[in-house]
C-alpha atoms as a PDB file:
ATOM      1  CA  MET A   1      65.074  44.646 -34.622  1.00  0.00           C
ATOM      2  CA  LYS A   2      65.755  48.363 -34.699  1.00  0.00           C
ATOM      3  CA  LYS A   3      66.577  49.672 -38.188  1.00  0.00           C
ATOM      4  CA  THR A   4      68.446  52.825 -39.056  1.00  0.00           C
ATOM      5  CA  LEU A   5      67.402  54.836 -42.106  1.00  0.00           C
ATOM      6  CA  PHE A   6      70.254  56.369 -44.070  1.00  0.00           C
ATOM      7  CA  ILE A   7      69.242  59.412 -46.125  1.00  0.00           C
ATOM      8  CA  THR A   8      71.213  61.824 -48.222  1.00  0.00           C
ATOM      9  CA  ALA A   9      71.624  65.484 -47.417  1.00  0.00           C
ATOM     10  CA  SER A  10      69.313  66.365 -50.302  1.00  0.00           C
ATOM     11  CA  SER A  11      66.623  64.040 -48.912  1.00  0.00           C
ATOM     12  CA  ALA A  12      66.960  65.633 -45.483  1.00  0.00           C
ATOM     13  CA  LEU A  13      66.411  69.052 -47.047  1.00  0.00           C
ATOM     14  CA  LEU A  14      63.273  67.763 -48.756  1.00  0.00           C
ATOM     15  CA  LEU A  15      61.904  66.565 -45.414  1.00  0.00           C
ATOM     16  CA  LEU A  16      62.663  69.928 -43.843  1.00  0.00           C
ATOM     17  CA  ALA A  17      60.887  71.580 -46.748  1.00  0.00           C
ATOM     18  CA  GLY A  18      57.716  69.670 -45.932  1.00  0.00           C
ATOM     19  CA  CYS A  19      57.905  66.849 -48.474  1.00  0.00           C
ATOM     20  CA  THR A  20      56.325  63.524 -47.527  1.00  0.00           C
ATOM     21  CA  THR A  21      58.332  60.375 -46.867  1.00  0.00           C
ATOM     22  CA  GLN A  22      56.926  58.942 -50.114  1.00  0.00           C
ATOM     23  CA  GLN A  23      58.224  61.938 -52.049  1.00  0.00           C
ATOM     24  CA  VAL A  24      61.624  61.560 -50.395  1.00  0.00           C
ATOM     25  CA  ASP A  25      61.675  57.859 -51.348  1.00  0.00           C
ATOM     26  CA  GLN A  26      60.900  58.785 -54.959  1.00  0.00           C
ATOM     27  CA  GLN A  27      63.731  61.318 -54.885  1.00  0.00           C
ATOM     28  CA  ALA A  28      66.110  58.675 -53.487  1.00  0.00           C
ATOM     29  CA  ASN A  29      65.343  56.332 -56.389  1.00  0.00           C
ATOM     30  CA  THR A  30      66.115  58.855 -59.113  1.00  0.00           C
ATOM     31  CA  ILE A  31      69.449  59.013 -60.901  1.00  0.00           C
ATOM     32  CA  SER A  32      71.618  61.862 -59.670  1.00  0.00           C
ATOM     33  CA  GLU A  33      72.303  64.709 -62.073  1.00  0.00           C
ATOM     34  CA  SER A  34      76.032  63.989 -61.906  1.00  0.00           C
ATOM     35  CA  GLN A  35      75.338  60.394 -62.976  1.00  0.00           C
ATOM     36  CA  GLN A  36      73.104  61.079 -65.991  1.00  0.00           C
ATOM     37  CA  GLN A  37      75.946  60.553 -68.458  1.00  0.00           C
ATOM     38  CA  TYR A  38      76.114  56.865 -67.558  1.00  0.00           C
ATOM     39  CA  ILE A  39      72.524  56.118 -68.598  1.00  0.00           C
ATOM     40  CA  LYS A  40      73.451  56.250 -72.267  1.00  0.00           C
ATOM     41  CA  LYS A  41      76.763  54.484 -71.711  1.00  0.00           C
ATOM     42  CA  TYR A  42      75.217  51.395 -70.152  1.00  0.00           C
ATOM     43  CA  GLU A  43      71.764  51.310 -71.710  1.00  0.00           C
ATOM     44  CA  LYS A  44      72.662  48.305 -73.888  1.00  0.00           C
ATOM     45  CA  GLN A  45      73.597  46.154 -70.903  1.00  0.00           C
ATOM     46  CA  LYS A  46      70.540  43.977 -70.397  1.00  0.00           C
ATOM     47  CA  VAL A  47      71.153  43.516 -66.675  1.00  0.00           C
ATOM     48  CA  VAL A  48      71.209  47.237 -65.791  1.00  0.00           C
ATOM     49  CA  PRO A  49      68.240  47.846 -63.454  1.00  0.00           C
ATOM     50  CA  LYS A  50      65.599  50.513 -63.749  1.00  0.00           C
ATOM     51  CA  PRO A  51      66.181  53.149 -61.050  1.00  0.00           C
ATOM     52  CA  GLU A  52      62.700  52.706 -59.613  1.00  0.00           C
ATOM     53  CA  ASP A  53      63.279  48.955 -59.205  1.00  0.00           C
ATOM     54  CA  MET A  54      66.535  49.238 -57.258  1.00  0.00           C
ATOM     55  CA  LEU A  55      66.399  48.218 -53.612  1.00  0.00           C
ATOM     56  CA  LEU A  56      68.215  50.458 -51.137  1.00  0.00           C
ATOM     57  CA  ASN A  57      70.540  49.236 -48.423  1.00  0.00           C
ATOM     58  CA  THR A  58      69.331  50.902 -45.231  1.00  0.00           C
ATOM     59  CA  GLU A  59      70.962  48.479 -42.788  1.00  0.00           C
ATOM     60  CA  LYS A  60      73.888  49.140 -40.501  1.00  0.00           C
ATOM     61  CA  GLU A  61      77.120  47.393 -41.365  1.00  0.00           C
ATOM     62  CA  PRO A  62      77.256  43.983 -39.624  1.00  0.00           C
ATOM     63  CA  LYS A  63      79.414  43.614 -36.535  1.00  0.00           C
ATOM     64  CA  LEU A  64      82.836  42.366 -37.582  1.00  0.00           C
ATOM     65  CA  LYS A  65      84.576  41.111 -34.438  1.00  0.00           C
ATOM     66  CA  ARG A  66      83.214  37.707 -33.421  1.00  0.00           C
ATOM     67  CA  GLY A  67      82.846  34.436 -35.321  1.00  0.00           C
ATOM     68  CA  PHE A  68      85.139  35.259 -38.260  1.00  0.00           C
ATOM     69  CA  THR A  69      87.738  33.015 -39.862  1.00  0.00           C
ATOM     70  CA  PRO A  70      90.848  34.631 -41.398  1.00  0.00           C
ATOM     71  CA  LEU A  71      91.291  33.852 -45.094  1.00  0.00           C
ATOM     72  CA  PHE A  72      94.880  35.088 -45.199  1.00  0.00           C
ATOM     73  CA  ASN A  73      97.569  33.868 -42.785  1.00  0.00           C
ATOM     74  CA  GLY A  74      99.641  37.034 -43.197  1.00  0.00           C
ATOM     75  CA  LYS A  75     102.715  35.105 -44.341  1.00  0.00           C
ATOM     76  CA  ASP A  76     102.033  33.439 -47.698  1.00  0.00           C
ATOM     77  CA  LEU A  77      99.238  32.675 -50.158  1.00  0.00           C
ATOM     78  CA  THR A  78      98.298  29.276 -48.749  1.00  0.00           C
ATOM     79  CA  GLY A  79      94.620  28.672 -49.546  1.00  0.00           C
ATOM     80  CA  TRP A  80      94.653  30.986 -52.564  1.00  0.00           C
ATOM     81  CA  THR A  81      95.267  30.380 -56.286  1.00  0.00           C
ATOM     82  CA  PRO A  82      95.519  32.997 -59.073  1.00  0.00           C
ATOM     83  CA  LYS A  83      93.140  32.498 -61.988  1.00  0.00           C
ATOM     84  CA  GLY A  84      92.880  34.207 -65.353  1.00  0.00           C
ATOM     85  CA  GLY A  85      95.790  36.429 -66.370  1.00  0.00           C
ATOM     86  CA  LYS A  86      99.396  36.918 -65.297  1.00  0.00           C
ATOM     87  CA  CYS A  87      99.131  39.861 -62.908  1.00  0.00           C
ATOM     88  CA  THR A  88     101.063  39.061 -59.755  1.00  0.00           C
ATOM     89  CA  PHE A  89     100.143  38.577 -56.104  1.00  0.00           C
ATOM     90  CA  GLU A  90     102.512  38.283 -53.158  1.00  0.00           C
ATOM     91  CA  ALA A  91     102.340  38.272 -49.380  1.00  0.00           C
ATOM     92  CA  ILE A  92     104.297  41.181 -47.875  1.00  0.00           C
ATOM     93  CA  ASP A  93     104.283  42.356 -44.239  1.00  0.00           C
ATOM     94  CA  GLY A  94     100.823  41.015 -43.428  1.00  0.00           C
ATOM     95  CA  THR A  95      99.259  42.212 -46.673  1.00  0.00           C
ATOM     96  CA  ILE A  96      98.513  40.762 -50.089  1.00  0.00           C
ATOM     97  CA  LYS A  97      99.965  42.929 -52.833  1.00  0.00           C
ATOM     98  CA  GLY A  98      98.484  42.708 -56.322  1.00  0.00           C
ATOM     99  CA  THR A  99     100.339  44.249 -59.249  1.00  0.00           C
ATOM    100  CA  CYS A 100      99.016  44.838 -62.745  1.00  0.00           C
ATOM    101  CA  ILE A 101     101.167  43.496 -65.576  1.00  0.00           C
ATOM    102  CA  LYS A 102     100.709  45.479 -68.780  1.00  0.00           C
ATOM    103  CA  GLY A 103      99.180  43.280 -71.475  1.00  0.00           C
ATOM    104  CA  SER A 104      97.807  40.694 -69.060  1.00  0.00           C
ATOM    105  CA  PRO A 105      94.091  39.953 -68.802  1.00  0.00           C
ATOM    106  CA  SER A 106      92.418  40.649 -65.472  1.00  0.00           C
ATOM    107  CA  THR A 107      93.681  38.265 -62.813  1.00  0.00           C
ATOM    108  CA  TYR A 108      91.847  36.876 -59.783  1.00  0.00           C
ATOM    109  CA  LEU A 109      93.497  35.595 -56.632  1.00  0.00           C
ATOM    110  CA  SER A 110      90.860  33.072 -55.593  1.00  0.00           C
ATOM    111  CA  THR A 111      90.171  31.045 -52.481  1.00  0.00           C
ATOM    112  CA  ASP A 112      90.697  27.323 -52.920  1.00  0.00           C
ATOM    113  CA  LYS A 113      87.492  26.783 -50.969  1.00  0.00           C
ATOM    114  CA  ALA A 114      84.784  27.189 -53.588  1.00  0.00           C
ATOM    115  CA  ASP A 115      81.500  26.455 -51.815  1.00  0.00           C
ATOM    116  CA  TYR A 116      80.784  29.621 -49.844  1.00  0.00           C
ATOM    117  CA  THR A 117      77.047  30.255 -49.703  1.00  0.00           C
ATOM    118  CA  ASP A 118      75.774  32.567 -46.946  1.00  0.00           C
ATOM    119  CA  PHE A 119      78.393  34.759 -45.309  1.00  0.00           C
ATOM    120  CA  ILE A 120      79.700  38.090 -44.124  1.00  0.00           C
ATOM    121  CA  PHE A 121      83.015  38.923 -45.784  1.00  0.00           C
ATOM    122  CA  THR A 122      85.233  41.868 -44.979  1.00  0.00           C
ATOM    123  CA  CYS A 123      88.682  43.157 -45.855  1.00  0.00           C
ATOM    124  CA  ASP A 124      90.694  46.367 -46.011  1.00  0.00           C
ATOM    125  CA  MET A 125      91.956  47.712 -49.342  1.00  0.00           C
ATOM    126  CA  LYS A 126      94.417  50.414 -50.294  1.00  0.00           C
ATOM    127  CA  TRP A 127      95.749  51.558 -53.662  1.00  0.00           C
ATOM    128  CA  GLU A 128      99.455  52.285 -54.090  1.00  0.00           C
ATOM    129  CA  VAL A 129      98.899  52.881 -57.804  1.00  0.00           C
ATOM    130  CA  THR A 130      95.254  53.517 -58.634  1.00  0.00           C
ATOM    131  CA  SER A 131      93.440  51.023 -60.835  1.00  0.00           C
ATOM    132  CA  ASN A 132      90.197  49.122 -61.121  1.00  0.00           C
ATOM    133  CA  SER A 133      89.683  46.216 -58.750  1.00  0.00           C
ATOM    134  CA  GLY A 134      87.001  44.343 -56.874  1.00  0.00           C
ATOM    135  CA  VAL A 135      86.044  41.412 -54.680  1.00  0.00           C
ATOM    136  CA  MET A 136      84.312  38.511 -56.392  1.00  0.00           C
ATOM    137  CA  MET A 137      81.757  36.599 -54.284  1.00  0.00           C
ATOM    138  CA  ARG A 138      80.081  33.273 -55.026  1.00  0.00           C
ATOM    139  CA  ALA A 139      82.311  33.298 -58.090  1.00  0.00           C
ATOM    140  CA  GLN A 140      82.729  30.504 -60.629  1.00  0.00           C
ATOM    141  CA  SER A 141      85.275  29.756 -63.354  1.00  0.00           C
ATOM    142  CA  LYS A 142      85.341  28.081 -66.759  1.00  0.00           C
ATOM    143  CA  PRO A 143      87.858  27.519 -69.558  1.00  0.00           C
ATOM    144  CA  GLY A 144      88.326  30.539 -71.827  1.00  0.00           C
ATOM    145  CA  GLU A 145      90.212  31.498 -74.967  1.00  0.00           C
ATOM    146  CA  LYS A 146      92.991  33.160 -72.946  1.00  0.00           C
ATOM    147  CA  GLY A 147      92.952  30.841 -69.960  1.00  0.00           C
ATOM    148  CA  GLU A 148      90.579  30.343 -67.084  1.00  0.00           C
ATOM    149  CA  THR A 149      87.674  32.818 -66.999  1.00  0.00           C
ATOM    150  CA  VAL A 150      86.334  33.908 -63.645  1.00  0.00           C
ATOM    151  CA  PHE A 151      82.715  35.040 -63.674  1.00  0.00           C
ATOM    152  CA  GLY A 152      79.950  36.038 -61.300  1.00  0.00           C
ATOM    153  CA  PRO A 153      78.991  38.960 -59.046  1.00  0.00           C
ATOM    154  CA  GLN A 154      81.694  41.346 -57.918  1.00  0.00           C
ATOM    155  CA  CYS A 155      81.733  44.096 -55.345  1.00  0.00           C
ATOM    156  CA  GLU A 156      83.266  46.756 -57.553  1.00  0.00           C
ATOM    157  CA  MET A 157      86.257  48.597 -56.093  1.00  0.00           C
ATOM    158  CA  GLU A 158      87.346  50.964 -58.808  1.00  0.00           C
ATOM    159  CA  GLY A 159      89.185  53.204 -56.389  1.00  0.00           C
ATOM    160  CA  PHE A 160      90.086  56.533 -57.921  1.00  0.00           C
ATOM    161  CA  SER A 161      90.441  55.276 -61.479  1.00  0.00           C
ATOM    162  CA  GLN A 162      86.958  56.760 -62.097  1.00  0.00           C
ATOM    163  CA  ASP A 163      85.293  59.844 -60.661  1.00  0.00           C
ATOM    164  CA  ARG A 164      81.764  58.430 -60.655  1.00  0.00           C
ATOM    165  CA  GLY A 165      82.133  56.798 -57.199  1.00  0.00           C
ATOM    166  CA  TRP A 166      80.771  53.311 -57.846  1.00  0.00           C
ATOM    167  CA  SER A 167      83.014  51.399 -55.430  1.00  0.00           C
ATOM    168  CA  GLY A 168      80.639  49.145 -53.506  1.00  0.00           C
ATOM    169  CA  GLY A 169      78.331  48.636 -56.468  1.00  0.00           C
ATOM    170  CA  ILE A 170      77.791  45.147 -57.888  1.00  0.00           C
ATOM    171  CA  TYR A 171      79.139  44.250 -61.307  1.00  0.00           C
ATOM    172  CA  GLY A 172      78.492  41.041 -63.238  1.00  0.00           C
ATOM    173  CA  GLN A 173      82.059  40.078 -64.146  1.00  0.00           C
ATOM    174  CA  ALA A 174      82.040  38.261 -67.498  1.00  0.00           C
ATOM    175  CA  CYS A 175      78.297  37.766 -67.065  1.00  0.00           C
ATOM    176  CA  GLY A 176      76.427  40.854 -68.190  1.00  0.00           C
ATOM    177  CA  GLY A 177      77.750  44.074 -66.683  1.00  0.00           C
ATOM    178  CA  TRP A 178      76.263  46.370 -64.056  1.00  0.00           C
ATOM    179  CA  TYR A 179      73.777  44.638 -61.782  1.00  0.00           C
ATOM    180  CA  TYR A 180      73.774  47.478 -59.258  1.00  0.00           C
ATOM    181  CA  PRO A 181      75.372  50.807 -60.243  1.00  0.00           C
ATOM    182  CA  LEU A 182      75.609  53.415 -57.498  1.00  0.00           C
ATOM    183  CA  TRP A 183      73.969  56.188 -59.493  1.00  0.00           C
ATOM    184  CA  LEU A 184      70.897  57.027 -57.412  1.00  0.00           C
ATOM    185  CA  GLU A 185      70.383  60.080 -55.232  1.00  0.00           C
ATOM    186  CA  ALA A 186      70.326  57.622 -52.324  1.00  0.00           C
ATOM    187  CA  HIS A 187      73.930  56.657 -53.127  1.00  0.00           C
ATOM    188  CA  ALA A 188      75.350  60.181 -52.910  1.00  0.00           C
ATOM    189  CA  THR A 189      77.017  59.547 -49.546  1.00  0.00           C
ATOM    190  CA  VAL A 190      78.631  56.212 -50.393  1.00  0.00           C
ATOM    191  CA  ARG A 191      79.953  57.606 -53.676  1.00  0.00           C
ATOM    192  CA  LYS A 192      82.259  59.749 -51.535  1.00  0.00           C
ATOM    193  CA  ALA A 193      83.090  57.059 -48.960  1.00  0.00           C
ATOM    194  CA  LEU A 194      86.586  56.099 -50.156  1.00  0.00           C
ATOM    195  CA  ASN A 195      89.624  57.682 -48.542  1.00  0.00           C
ATOM    196  CA  GLU A 196      92.419  58.191 -51.060  1.00  0.00           C
ATOM    197  CA  GLY A 197      95.805  56.962 -49.913  1.00  0.00           C
ATOM    198  CA  GLU A 198      94.327  55.227 -46.871  1.00  0.00           C
ATOM    199  CA  TRP A 199      92.889  51.835 -45.986  1.00  0.00           C
ATOM    200  CA  ASN A 200      89.236  51.343 -46.922  1.00  0.00           C
ATOM    201  CA  ARG A 201      86.993  48.675 -45.451  1.00  0.00           C
ATOM    202  CA  VAL A 202      84.833  46.541 -47.746  1.00  0.00           C
ATOM    203  CA  THR A 203      82.007  44.499 -46.230  1.00  0.00           C
ATOM    204  CA  ILE A 204      79.772  42.089 -48.121  1.00  0.00           C
ATOM    205  CA  LYS A 205      76.817  40.125 -46.793  1.00  0.00           C
ATOM    206  CA  ALA A 206      75.234  37.373 -48.884  1.00  0.00           C
ATOM    207  CA  GLN A 207      72.259  35.506 -47.485  1.00  0.00           C
ATOM    208  CA  GLY A 208      69.878  33.546 -49.658  1.00  0.00           C
ATOM    209  CA  ASP A 209      69.170  35.624 -52.746  1.00  0.00           C
ATOM    210  CA  THR A 210      70.249  38.934 -51.182  1.00  0.00           C
ATOM    211  CA  PHE A 211      73.643  40.622 -51.538  1.00  0.00           C
ATOM    212  CA  LYS A 212      74.452  43.780 -49.564  1.00  0.00           C
ATOM    213  CA  THR A 213      77.628  45.862 -49.429  1.00  0.00           C
ATOM    214  CA  TRP A 214      79.154  48.590 -47.270  1.00  0.00           C
ATOM    215  CA  ILE A 215      82.172  50.844 -47.831  1.00  0.00           C
ATOM    216  CA  ASN A 216      83.813  52.148 -44.657  1.00  0.00           C
ATOM    217  CA  GLY A 217      80.561  51.371 -42.854  1.00  0.00           C
ATOM    218  CA  ILE A 218      78.361  53.288 -45.286  1.00  0.00           C
ATOM    219  CA  PRO A 219      75.560  51.258 -46.955  1.00  0.00           C
ATOM    220  CA  ALA A 220      75.982  50.733 -50.705  1.00  0.00           C
ATOM    221  CA  ALA A 221      74.264  47.963 -52.700  1.00  0.00           C
ATOM    222  CA  ASN A 222      71.173  45.846 -52.055  1.00  0.00           C
ATOM    223  CA  TRP A 223      70.784  43.339 -54.881  1.00  0.00           C
ATOM    224  CA  LYS A 224      68.733  40.180 -55.264  1.00  0.00           C
ATOM    225  CA  ASN A 225      69.762  37.245 -57.449  1.00  0.00           C
ATOM    226  CA  GLU A 226      68.952  33.538 -57.417  1.00  0.00           C
ATOM    227  CA  GLU A 227      71.479  32.409 -60.039  1.00  0.00           C
ATOM    228  CA  TYR A 228      74.694  32.583 -58.027  1.00  0.00           C
ATOM    229  CA  LYS A 229      74.143  30.370 -55.001  1.00  0.00           C
ATOM    230  CA  GLN A 230      77.697  29.424 -54.025  1.00  0.00           C
ATOM    231  CA  GLY A 231      81.294  29.830 -55.102  1.00  0.00           C
ATOM    232  CA  PHE A 232      84.682  31.243 -54.165  1.00  0.00           C
ATOM    233  CA  PHE A 233      86.046  34.675 -53.311  1.00  0.00           C
ATOM    234  CA  SER A 234      88.517  36.440 -55.588  1.00  0.00           C
ATOM    235  CA  LEU A 235      90.634  39.574 -55.277  1.00  0.00           C
ATOM    236  CA  GLN A 236      90.835  41.211 -58.693  1.00  0.00           C
ATOM    237  CA  VAL A 237      93.669  43.039 -60.384  1.00  0.00           C
ATOM    238  CA  HIS A 238      92.066  44.492 -63.491  1.00  0.00           C
ATOM    239  CA  ALA A 239      93.731  44.510 -66.891  1.00  0.00           C
ATOM    240  CA  GLY A 240      95.398  47.812 -67.723  1.00  0.00           C
ATOM    241  CA  LYS A 241      98.651  49.693 -67.995  1.00  0.00           C
ATOM    242  CA  GLU A 242      99.340  49.869 -64.255  1.00  0.00           C
ATOM    243  CA  GLY A 243      97.909  49.297 -60.824  1.00  0.00           C
ATOM    244  CA  THR A 244      99.039  48.210 -57.377  1.00  0.00           C
ATOM    245  CA  ILE A 245      96.560  47.191 -54.697  1.00  0.00           C
ATOM    246  CA  LEU A 246      96.978  46.017 -51.099  1.00  0.00           C
ATOM    247  CA  TRP A 247      94.593  43.863 -49.063  1.00  0.00           C
ATOM    248  CA  ARG A 248      94.656  42.994 -45.374  1.00  0.00           C
ATOM    249  CA  ASN A 249      92.332  41.754 -42.590  1.00  0.00           C
ATOM    250  CA  ILE A 250      90.623  39.385 -45.017  1.00  0.00           C
ATOM    251  CA  LYS A 251      88.101  37.277 -43.125  1.00  0.00           C
ATOM    252  CA  VAL A 252      84.717  35.605 -43.439  1.00  0.00           C
ATOM    253  CA  LYS A 253      81.902  34.535 -41.159  1.00  0.00           C
ATOM    254  CA  GLU A 254      79.737  31.791 -42.618  1.00  0.00           C
ATOM    255  CA  LEU A 255      76.059  32.130 -41.724  1.00  0.00           C
END
């Protein structure tokens, strides 16, 4: 199978300057200067990986036309159930609209089907009012002090609520923190992949112990984990003062 190598502009300059491929690879697996501030912030999270141990996603986004099953009928929320807080979800004009309710814990609109294992998932997202969000995959839930707690890996979609550009990274929701932050030199392109005020495509592939993500076709995360083998999908509205998010074209292809 033919593979495409995605490199950053800085890596391309290093190659032009006569650096070896090994030196370019080492450069790719270093934390960008603009991201240095987050080393201290997250150093106490036990799951945060060492930069040199992070795998890079160098694959093209999977083809998204054939073999997919829609998860949203475009009319109502049949097949979905909110879990966690009291933020609201509604079906409007072929989209799912999630609205943050001030004072509510994070809320997760979750598929009733809860045994997804290997799959390609994709959807479009757009922020009407910027806020943190994400797509949970192989998620689980358990009773909590403030209601049902959803936990597991999440494709982070923080939109423009942060300027670090980690949408497409993988976060351990209620289970440890950042599994795959997008802070490497190799992630410079995907950190700028979101289009503000427009629809943005999220693609997730989980197969065996490997999770990969793409934002608008640009490779993001490549994370391995054997703990989360199956579960449901959730669309997150994060706790906060405000936030309005739209989703459409939500579909999955089971592998």
